[in-house]
């Protein structure tokens, strides 16, 4: 048997004009770890509610691998969390996550992402999130998408605004001891999605949808 027959998500591929997004496989981990070690954000403050990038360089690789492996245990019909490795110019430069719970009834997905600093400022964050929104709305059948960002994270919130998200309340998070910040929640309805002027190509959708409990 091929690995994709055992775990159909490994056969899923979403391509944009510049990017290829595939659920993280073990052979992606070395480049994914290196992308994280090369730096994701300024160290003075973290954009993540869980400050995983604060780990020592000797610990971060194992932590990241362990987290990626744990996501596979969180894939069940209508309840799942998938991390897509973002491939750009032949290398892995970050991750775009897509998750849902009780998807059959809620028809809502959540997204999160990060990119290595060397590729910031090229519009890749918008492109990779738009790709998964196209996939979620048009292939999975989602009706809503939700996300969030630290209130100071103008880059992330700008991407959300550009794609049509609306503000959806504020919560308080404490990513580091003694440090608390507002997290701005955002929400996007399918009909309000500002679609890009390009389309995605998808490989391996039908088996992946079956694994997620979604009728294609």
Foldseek 3Di string as FASTA:
>chain_A
DDPCVVPVQQFKWKDWPFKIWGFDDPVQLVLQLVLLVLDFDPPVDDWDLAPLSVDDNVCSSVVVVVVSVVQVVQFAAQFHKTWIFIAGPHHGFWIKMWTGHNCVPQLEIEIDMIGRPVPPPPCVVLVVVLRVLCCSVVPQPRFKYKYKTFPVPVVVVVSCVVQQKDWDDWDWGANDVPDITIIIMIMDGPVRTPHDPTHMDITSRCVNCVSNNGHD
